C-alpha atoms as a PDB file:
ATOM      1  CA  MET A   1     217.138 -33.920 310.797  1.00  0.00           C
ATOM      2  CA  LYS A   2     218.908 -37.266 311.247  1.00  0.00           C
ATOM      3  CA  GLU A   3     215.313 -39.397 311.343  1.00  0.00           C
ATOM      4  CA  LEU A   4     213.985 -37.517 308.842  1.00  0.00           C
ATOM      5  CA  LEU A   5     217.250 -38.192 306.167  1.00  0.00           C
ATOM      6  CA  GLU A   6     217.076 -42.053 307.477  1.00  0.00           C
ATOM      7  CA  ILE A   7     213.715 -42.050 306.268  1.00  0.00           C
ATOM      8  CA  ILE A   8     214.040 -40.611 303.021  1.00  0.00           C
ATOM      9  CA  ALA A   9     217.326 -42.908 302.381  1.00  0.00           C
ATOM     10  CA  LYS A  10     215.913 -45.900 303.667  1.00  0.00           C
ATOM     11  CA  ASN A  11     212.897 -45.671 300.676  1.00  0.00           C
ATOM     12  CA  LEU A  12     215.123 -45.431 297.787  1.00  0.00           C
ATOM     13  CA  VAL A  13     217.180 -48.158 298.724  1.00  0.00           C
ATOM     14  CA  ASP A  14     216.592 -52.187 298.074  1.00  0.00           C
ATOM     15  CA  ASN A  15     218.697 -52.683 301.633  1.00  0.00           C
ATOM     16  CA  PRO A  16     217.097 -50.401 303.746  1.00  0.00           C
ATOM     17  CA  ASP A  17     219.084 -52.303 306.757  1.00  0.00           C
ATOM     18  CA  SER A  18     222.353 -50.773 305.546  1.00  0.00           C
ATOM     19  CA  VAL A  19     221.658 -47.369 306.222  1.00  0.00           C
ATOM     20  CA  VAL A  20     223.204 -45.877 308.381  1.00  0.00           C
ATOM     21  CA  VAL A  21     222.718 -42.203 309.387  1.00  0.00           C
ATOM     22  CA  SER A  22     225.162 -40.312 311.747  1.00  0.00           C
ATOM     23  CA  GLN A  23     225.242 -36.652 313.312  1.00  0.00           C
ATOM     24  CA  ARG A  24     227.675 -34.725 314.307  1.00  0.00           C
ATOM     25  CA  GLU A  25     227.347 -31.144 315.275  1.00  0.00           C
ATOM     26  CA  GLU A  26     230.287 -28.089 314.451  1.00  0.00           C
ATOM     27  CA  GLU A  27     230.223 -24.718 315.999  1.00  0.00           C
ATOM     28  CA  ASP A  28     228.150 -23.027 312.897  1.00  0.00           C
ATOM     29  CA  ALA A  29     226.884 -26.184 311.382  1.00  0.00           C
ATOM     30  CA  ILE A  30     225.442 -29.689 311.492  1.00  0.00           C
ATOM     31  CA  ILE A  31     226.727 -32.680 309.000  1.00  0.00           C
ATOM     32  CA  LEU A  32     224.909 -35.329 308.599  1.00  0.00           C
ATOM     33  CA  GLU A  33     226.549 -38.670 306.971  1.00  0.00           C
ATOM     34  CA  LEU A  34     224.459 -40.699 304.970  1.00  0.00           C
ATOM     35  CA  LYS A  35     225.889 -44.571 304.468  1.00  0.00           C
ATOM     36  CA  VAL A  36     224.820 -46.984 302.205  1.00  0.00           C
ATOM     37  CA  ASP A  37     225.165 -50.134 300.568  1.00  0.00           C
ATOM     38  CA  ASN A  38     227.557 -50.075 297.095  1.00  0.00           C
ATOM     39  CA  ASP A  39     224.937 -51.832 295.304  1.00  0.00           C
ATOM     40  CA  ASP A  40     222.263 -48.885 296.299  1.00  0.00           C
ATOM     41  CA  MET A  41     225.022 -45.699 295.908  1.00  0.00           C
ATOM     42  CA  GLY A  42     223.064 -45.298 292.070  1.00  0.00           C
ATOM     43  CA  LYS A  43     219.496 -44.765 293.868  1.00  0.00           C
ATOM     44  CA  VAL A  44     220.424 -42.400 296.128  1.00  0.00           C
ATOM     45  CA  ILE A  45     222.435 -40.342 293.691  1.00  0.00           C
ATOM     46  CA  GLY A  46     220.475 -40.593 291.255  1.00  0.00           C
ATOM     47  CA  LYS A  47     220.809 -39.358 287.500  1.00  0.00           C
ATOM     48  CA  GLN A  48     223.180 -36.207 287.559  1.00  0.00           C
ATOM     49  CA  GLY A  49     222.859 -35.890 291.028  1.00  0.00           C
ATOM     50  CA  ARG A  50     219.348 -35.265 291.019  1.00  0.00           C
ATOM     51  CA  ILE A  51     218.513 -37.421 294.158  1.00  0.00           C
ATOM     52  CA  ALA A  52     221.086 -36.295 296.211  1.00  0.00           C
ATOM     53  CA  LYS A  53     220.084 -32.714 295.264  1.00  0.00           C
ATOM     54  CA  ALA A  54     216.741 -33.149 296.193  1.00  0.00           C
ATOM     55  CA  ILE A  55     217.956 -35.025 299.762  1.00  0.00           C
ATOM     56  CA  ARG A  56     219.772 -32.463 300.499  1.00  0.00           C
ATOM     57  CA  THR A  57     217.242 -29.436 299.841  1.00  0.00           C
ATOM     58  CA  VAL A  58     214.137 -31.367 301.566  1.00  0.00           C
ATOM     59  CA  VAL A  59     217.126 -31.861 304.773  1.00  0.00           C
ATOM     60  CA  LYS A  60     218.149 -27.939 304.546  1.00  0.00           C
ATOM     61  CA  ALA A  61     214.703 -27.175 304.282  1.00  0.00           C
ATOM     62  CA  ALA A  62     213.498 -28.972 307.362  1.00  0.00           C
ATOM     63  CA  ALA A  63     216.082 -27.149 309.094  1.00  0.00           C
ATOM     64  CA  VAL A  64     215.191 -23.543 308.092  1.00  0.00           C
ATOM     65  CA  HIS A  65     214.496 -23.039 312.043  1.00  0.00           C
ATOM     66  CA  SER A  66     217.619 -24.008 313.343  1.00  0.00           C
ATOM     67  CA  ASP A  67     220.376 -21.431 313.374  1.00  0.00           C
ATOM     68  CA  LYS A  68     222.792 -23.852 311.968  1.00  0.00           C
ATOM     69  CA  LYS A  69     223.898 -24.782 308.721  1.00  0.00           C
ATOM     70  CA  VAL A  70     223.068 -28.527 307.561  1.00  0.00           C
ATOM     71  CA  VAL A  71     225.327 -30.385 305.247  1.00  0.00           C
ATOM     72  CA  VAL A  72     224.464 -34.110 304.294  1.00  0.00           C
ATOM     73  CA  LYS A  73     227.282 -36.334 302.987  1.00  0.00           C
ATOM     74  CA  ILE A  74     226.511 -39.157 301.173  1.00  0.00           C
ATOM     75  CA  SER A  75     228.990 -42.155 301.237  1.00  0.00           C
END
């Protein structure tokens, strides 16, 4: 899932080298934190958060086979 989020983000932004995805696991959740350049933040979030919501939906769909909840944080 980390790789999927990284691929999606790198294809959206102008500075793909600045994309960093970190993953940490808790008891019942996998937390993916996406960091992008400040100039690319709008491209990742989109109008009214539509792109961010779509990214979260795709990652959650990919994680349906795991027993853990997946949370995507964008910063």
